[in-house]
Amino acid sequence: MRTVPLWFLSACLALGQLANGAPVCGGHGDRNTLLVTTSWLADHLNDPNLVILGVGQDGDYEKGHIPGSLFVKYMDTHLMKSPAGLTVELPPMSELADTFGKLGVTNDSHVVLYMTNDWVSPTTRVFLTLDAMGLGEHTSILDGGLPAWKNDGRPVTADVPSVKRGKLEPCAQNDVIVDLNYMKSNLHHPGVDIIDARMEAHHSGAEVPKNSRAGHIPGATSLPFEKLVDDNNKLKPAAELKAILSAAGVKPGDRVVSYCYIGQRATVVYFVARYLGYDARLYDGSWEEWNKHTELPTEVSPTK
């Protein structure tokens, strides 16, 4: 009896899944897709596959929102306390599929996220969550959020649209989140740039938060996320962003690994790195986890 090669069976299975309409997802998007303007969104409000989600404090949505948009509860998009006792961690994919499916998201949706006020880092955290689910290639952020929409004279409404639950099957990506073992193995590793998105005074050790050791993960460069946006919470121009990352030691072809206090602020660095075409990762455990392991080293830096 002739033996059929395993690779052939795998290929046939993959083709069969495609033929049966199984969702295909993955990829992270680029400068053409990750950021949209208010004019782009106004022109596409009636696109049949568009899902617009506001990210903000409870009550913001009811005060007026982009027509057709729904409100995603930020607390539903992460675990406040993981089994390891860490804050703001990625939930199981099945839970995320339920959370976003109830908002009408499918594998064919184009999701546009917008902050309802000044929630820059929570919005990029939701983006990272969708990216980890395999939806990053067709997820965008509205530059400047609802404030920019209003400033451009776009309409807002209090009407809440009806929503049909979406059939959503995530395909978890293994190139979004890194863990403690990865960080320990890549300290001072050529081509791996560790970026600290916390306040500069906490990075340097000039100020020490309560219940924290002084300083930062060895080799990490300070880049508070506020340096990446302008006074209106819009992303700075791409050339300026590239120069900021370059000043932080990021070179073409490098991998950018960002962390902060609990894995929220650092997602702005993650988003910007993806936007500029870099390979990016988030250390989700962040300083909260590293600090707990007192056997691990820390560094302090001279203040500027």
Protein backbone atom coordinates (compact mmCIF):
# COMPACT_ATOMS: atom_id res chain seq x y z
CA MET A 1 0.00 0.00 0.00
CA ARG A 2 1.39 3.36 -1.02
CA THR A 3 1.95 5.84 1.83
CA VAL A 4 0.61 9.37 1.31
CA PRO A 5 3.09 12.05 2.48
CA LEU A 6 2.01 14.03 5.52
CA TRP A 7 2.66 17.34 3.76
CA PHE A 8 0.21 16.32 1.03
CA LEU A 9 -2.52 15.55 3.55
CA SER A 10 -1.91 18.88 5.27
CA ALA A 11 -2.13 20.75 1.98
CA CYS A 12 -5.37 19.01 1.07
CA LEU A 13 -6.85 19.83 4.45
CA ALA A 14 -5.92 23.50 4.06
CA LEU A 15 -7.43 23.66 0.59
CA GLY A 16 -10.57 21.98 1.84
CA GLN A 17 -10.93 24.52 4.60
CA LEU A 18 -10.60 27.36 2.10
CA ALA A 19 -13.17 25.76 -0.17
CA ASN A 20 -15.59 25.47 2.74
CA GLY A 21 -15.26 29.16 3.49
CA ALA A 22 -13.18 28.88 6.65
CA PRO A 23 -11.98 32.29 7.75
CA VAL A 24 -8.53 33.38 6.71
CA CYS A 25 -6.90 35.85 9.06
CA GLY A 26 -3.52 37.07 10.13
CA GLY A 27 -1.15 39.89 9.23
CA HIS A 28 -0.76 43.20 10.96
CA GLY A 29 -1.61 45.94 8.52
CA ASP A 30 0.64 48.75 7.36
CA ARG A 31 0.76 52.52 6.98
CA ASN A 32 -2.02 52.36 4.38
CA THR A 33 -4.48 50.59 6.67
CA LEU A 34 -3.66 51.17 10.34
CA LEU A 35 -4.68 54.83 10.53
CA VAL A 36 -7.70 56.51 8.92
CA THR A 37 -8.77 60.14 8.79
CA THR A 38 -12.17 61.63 9.54
CA SER A 39 -12.71 62.26 5.82
CA TRP A 40 -11.99 58.62 5.00
CA LEU A 41 -14.41 57.43 7.67
CA ALA A 42 -17.11 59.89 6.57
CA ASP A 43 -16.83 58.53 3.03
CA HIS A 44 -17.12 54.90 4.21
CA LEU A 45 -19.79 55.12 6.93
CA ASN A 46 -22.19 53.02 4.88
CA ASP A 47 -19.75 50.28 3.91
CA PRO A 48 -21.55 46.99 4.63
CA ASN A 49 -18.59 45.33 6.35
CA LEU A 50 -17.59 48.35 8.47
CA VAL A 51 -17.76 48.04 12.27
CA ILE A 52 -16.98 51.25 14.20
CA LEU A 53 -16.19 50.90 17.89
CA GLY A 54 -15.78 53.71 20.40
CA VAL A 55 -13.33 53.26 23.27
CA GLY A 56 -13.70 55.43 26.36
CA GLN A 57 -15.21 55.95 29.76
CA ASP A 58 -18.70 54.76 30.56
CA GLY A 59 -21.12 57.53 29.67
CA ASP A 60 -19.02 59.05 26.88
CA TYR A 61 -20.90 57.13 24.20
CA GLU A 62 -24.33 58.27 25.40
CA LYS A 63 -23.26 61.94 25.16
CA GLY A 64 -22.85 61.62 21.40
CA HIS A 65 -20.96 59.29 19.11
CA ILE A 66 -20.09 58.68 15.48
CA PRO A 67 -23.21 57.56 13.58
CA GLY A 68 -23.42 53.80 13.29
CA SER A 69 -20.79 53.17 15.94
CA LEU A 70 -21.05 50.94 19.00
CA PHE A 71 -19.32 51.16 22.36
CA VAL A 72 -16.79 48.53 23.39
CA LYS A 73 -16.34 48.23 27.13
CA TYR A 74 -12.61 48.41 27.66
CA MET A 75 -12.80 46.22 30.75
CA ASP A 76 -14.26 43.42 28.61
CA THR A 77 -11.21 43.31 26.34
CA HIS A 78 -8.65 42.18 28.90
CA LEU A 79 -8.25 40.30 32.16
CA MET A 80 -7.90 42.68 35.09
CA LYS A 81 -6.25 39.88 37.05
CA SER A 82 -4.75 36.91 35.24
CA PRO A 83 -4.20 33.53 36.92
CA ALA A 84 -0.64 34.74 37.50
CA GLY A 85 -1.94 37.83 39.32
CA LEU A 86 -1.00 40.26 36.54
CA THR A 87 -3.08 43.25 35.46
CA VAL A 88 -4.46 43.91 31.95
CA GLU A 89 -3.57 40.59 30.33
CA LEU A 90 -4.85 39.06 27.11
CA PRO A 91 -7.94 36.88 27.74
CA PRO A 92 -8.55 33.48 26.10
CA MET A 93 -9.43 33.75 22.42
CA SER A 94 -12.87 32.21 23.02
CA GLU A 95 -13.77 35.04 25.39
CA LEU A 96 -12.54 37.66 22.94
CA ALA A 97 -14.55 36.07 20.13
CA ASP A 98 -17.65 36.41 22.30
CA THR A 99 -16.87 40.02 23.27
CA PHE A 100 -16.32 41.26 19.73
CA GLY A 101 -18.84 38.92 18.12
CA LYS A 102 -21.59 40.55 20.19
CA LEU A 103 -20.52 43.86 18.63
CA GLY A 104 -21.05 42.51 15.13
CA VAL A 105 -17.41 41.80 14.29
CA THR A 106 -16.78 38.95 11.85
CA ASN A 107 -13.66 37.71 10.14
CA ASP A 108 -14.66 39.82 7.13
CA SER A 109 -15.21 43.06 9.04
CA HIS A 110 -13.16 46.21 8.72
CA VAL A 111 -13.00 47.47 12.29
CA VAL A 112 -12.36 51.15 12.97
CA LEU A 113 -11.55 52.07 16.58
CA TYR A 114 -11.87 55.60 17.92
CA MET A 115 -11.30 57.13 21.34
CA THR A 116 -14.30 59.01 22.68
CA ASN A 117 -12.13 61.46 24.59
CA ASP A 118 -8.39 61.22 25.26
CA TRP A 119 -7.96 57.48 25.68
CA VAL A 120 -5.00 57.02 23.37
CA SER A 121 -3.40 54.01 25.04
CA PRO A 122 -6.63 52.11 25.82
CA THR A 123 -7.53 52.44 22.14
CA THR A 124 -4.19 51.07 20.99
CA ARG A 125 -4.54 48.31 23.59
CA VAL A 126 -7.85 47.27 21.96
CA PHE A 127 -6.07 47.37 18.60
CA LEU A 128 -3.36 45.06 19.92
CA THR A 129 -6.04 42.67 21.20
CA LEU A 130 -7.64 42.49 17.76
CA ASP A 131 -4.19 42.13 16.21
CA ALA A 132 -3.46 39.19 18.50
CA MET A 133 -6.75 37.65 17.35
CA GLY A 134 -5.59 37.80 13.73
CA LEU A 135 -7.68 40.82 12.75
CA GLY A 136 -4.95 43.45 12.67
CA GLU A 137 -4.72 43.57 8.90
CA HIS A 138 -8.26 44.92 8.69
CA THR A 139 -8.40 47.00 11.86
CA SER A 140 -7.77 50.76 11.83
CA ILE A 141 -7.66 53.60 14.35
CA LEU A 142 -9.32 56.94 13.64
CA ASP A 143 -6.57 59.53 13.98
CA GLY A 144 -7.52 61.95 16.75
CA GLY A 145 -10.67 60.03 17.65
CA LEU A 146 -14.03 61.63 18.37
CA PRO A 147 -12.51 65.04 19.20
CA ALA A 148 -11.02 65.21 15.69
CA TRP A 149 -14.34 64.06 14.21
CA LYS A 150 -16.16 66.87 16.00
CA ASN A 151 -13.49 69.47 15.19
CA ASP A 152 -13.89 68.65 11.51
CA GLY A 153 -17.62 69.36 11.74
CA ARG A 154 -18.73 65.75 11.37
CA PRO A 155 -22.12 64.72 12.79
CA VAL A 156 -22.66 62.92 16.07
CA THR A 157 -25.74 61.11 17.30
CA ALA A 158 -27.25 59.57 20.41
CA ASP A 159 -28.95 56.82 18.40
CA VAL A 160 -27.79 53.30 19.20
CA PRO A 161 -27.78 51.10 16.10
CA SER A 162 -29.10 47.56 16.18
CA VAL A 163 -26.42 44.94 15.83
CA LYS A 164 -26.42 41.40 14.49
CA ARG A 165 -24.05 39.09 16.29
CA GLY A 166 -21.05 38.33 14.13
CA LYS A 167 -19.59 34.90 13.52
CA LEU A 168 -15.99 35.33 14.58
CA GLU A 169 -13.29 32.70 14.66
CA PRO A 170 -9.97 34.13 15.86
CA CYS A 171 -6.67 32.75 14.64
CA ALA A 172 -4.26 33.60 17.43
CA GLN A 173 -1.02 35.23 16.31
CA ASN A 174 2.25 34.18 17.95
CA ASP A 175 4.13 37.36 17.00
CA VAL A 176 2.31 39.93 19.12
CA ILE A 177 2.94 39.08 22.79
CA VAL A 178 6.21 38.02 24.43
CA ASP A 179 6.59 36.58 27.91
CA LEU A 180 9.07 36.78 30.76
CA ASN A 181 11.30 34.01 29.39
CA TYR A 182 11.60 35.87 26.08
CA MET A 183 12.63 39.04 27.90
CA LYS A 184 15.23 37.23 30.00
CA SER A 185 16.68 35.66 26.85
CA ASN A 186 16.87 38.90 24.87
CA LEU A 187 18.48 41.44 27.19
CA HIS A 188 21.11 43.37 25.19
CA HIS A 189 20.35 41.13 22.18
CA PRO A 190 21.46 42.69 18.86
CA GLY A 191 18.45 43.65 16.77
CA VAL A 192 16.00 43.50 19.69
CA ASP A 193 15.19 46.99 20.97
CA ILE A 194 13.47 47.07 24.36
CA ILE A 195 11.45 50.27 24.76
CA ASP A 196 10.11 51.50 28.10
CA ALA A 197 6.93 53.54 27.63
CA ARG A 198 6.63 54.57 31.29
CA MET A 199 7.37 58.05 32.61
CA GLU A 200 11.02 59.02 32.15
CA ALA A 201 11.50 59.59 35.90
CA HIS A 202 10.43 56.01 36.61
CA HIS A 203 12.68 54.66 33.87
CA SER A 204 15.71 56.52 35.20
CA GLY A 205 15.03 55.69 38.82
CA ALA A 206 14.78 59.35 39.81
CA GLU A 207 11.31 58.52 41.10
CA VAL A 208 10.29 55.14 42.44
CA PRO A 209 6.61 54.14 42.34
CA LYS A 210 5.12 52.55 45.43
CA ASN A 211 5.94 48.85 45.83
CA SER A 212 8.48 49.05 43.01
CA ARG A 213 12.19 48.70 42.56
CA ALA A 214 14.05 51.62 41.03
CA GLY A 215 14.90 51.82 37.36
CA HIS A 216 14.10 49.72 34.34
CA ILE A 217 14.72 46.44 32.54
CA PRO A 218 18.43 46.33 31.63
CA GLY A 219 19.12 47.80 28.22
CA ALA A 220 15.68 49.38 27.82
CA THR A 221 15.41 52.84 26.29
CA SER A 222 12.93 55.38 27.62
CA LEU A 223 10.17 56.48 25.25
CA PRO A 224 6.99 57.71 27.00
CA PHE A 225 4.12 57.25 24.56
CA GLU A 226 3.12 60.93 24.88
CA LYS A 227 6.10 61.81 22.66
CA LEU A 228 4.43 59.99 19.75
CA VAL A 229 1.27 62.10 19.61
CA ASP A 230 0.66 65.83 19.22
CA ASP A 231 -1.37 68.13 21.45
CA ASN A 232 -4.57 66.88 19.80
CA ASN A 233 -3.69 63.22 20.40
CA LYS A 234 -3.07 62.63 16.72
CA LEU A 235 -0.07 60.61 15.64
CA LYS A 236 2.86 62.76 14.67
CA PRO A 237 3.95 62.62 10.99
CA ALA A 238 5.60 59.36 9.96
CA ALA A 239 9.00 60.97 9.35
CA GLU A 240 8.96 62.48 12.83
CA LEU A 241 7.88 59.19 14.39
CA LYS A 242 10.68 57.37 12.62
CA ALA A 243 13.18 59.92 13.92
CA ILE A 244 11.86 59.48 17.47
CA LEU A 245 12.26 55.71 17.30
CA SER A 246 15.68 56.09 15.73
CA ALA A 247 16.73 58.31 18.64
CA ALA A 248 15.56 55.51 20.93
CA GLY A 249 17.99 53.15 19.18
CA VAL A 250 15.64 51.49 16.70
CA LYS A 251 17.33 50.64 13.41
CA PRO A 252 15.88 49.29 10.15
CA GLY A 253 15.23 45.59 10.48
CA ASP A 254 15.14 45.64 14.29
CA ARG A 255 12.40 44.14 16.44
CA VAL A 256 10.73 46.63 18.79
CA VAL A 257 9.67 45.13 22.13
CA SER A 258 7.75 47.59 24.30
CA TYR A 259 6.67 47.46 27.91
CA CYS A 260 5.26 49.84 30.52
CA TYR A 261 3.61 49.44 33.92
CA ILE A 262 0.92 46.88 33.09
CA GLY A 263 0.88 46.58 29.30
CA GLN A 264 -1.32 49.50 28.24
CA ARG A 265 0.86 52.57 27.56
CA ALA A 266 3.33 50.39 25.66
CA THR A 267 0.71 49.49 23.06
CA VAL A 268 1.06 53.01 21.60
CA VAL A 269 4.72 52.18 20.88
CA TYR A 270 3.61 48.82 19.49
CA PHE A 271 1.08 50.49 17.17
CA VAL A 272 3.54 53.12 15.97
CA ALA A 273 6.20 50.48 15.31
CA ARG A 274 3.74 48.46 13.22
CA TYR A 275 2.63 51.65 11.46
CA LEU A 276 6.24 52.36 10.49
CA GLY A 277 6.78 48.81 9.27
CA TYR A 278 8.85 47.43 12.14
CA ASP A 279 8.49 43.99 13.62
CA ALA A 280 6.84 44.72 16.99
CA ARG A 281 6.00 42.88 20.18
CA LEU A 282 4.44 43.75 23.54
CA TYR A 283 5.81 42.40 26.79
CA ASP A 284 2.37 42.08 28.36
CA GLY A 285 3.61 41.29 31.87
CA SER A 286 5.58 44.55 31.71
CA TRP A 287 7.22 46.11 34.76
CA GLU A 288 4.54 44.63 37.01
CA GLU A 289 5.86 41.14 36.32
CA TRP A 290 9.57 41.97 36.04
CA ASN A 291 9.52 43.89 39.32
CA LYS A 292 7.97 40.92 41.15
CA HIS A 293 10.91 38.71 40.23
CA THR A 294 13.47 40.20 42.59
CA GLU A 295 16.11 37.81 41.28
CA LEU A 296 16.01 39.67 37.96
CA PRO A 297 18.31 42.67 37.44
CA THR A 298 17.29 46.30 37.03
CA GLU A 299 19.15 49.39 35.85
CA VAL A 300 19.03 53.04 36.76
CA SER A 301 20.06 55.85 34.42
CA PRO A 302 21.43 59.35 34.91
CA THR A 303 18.68 61.96 34.77
CA LYS A 304 18.84 64.39 31.87
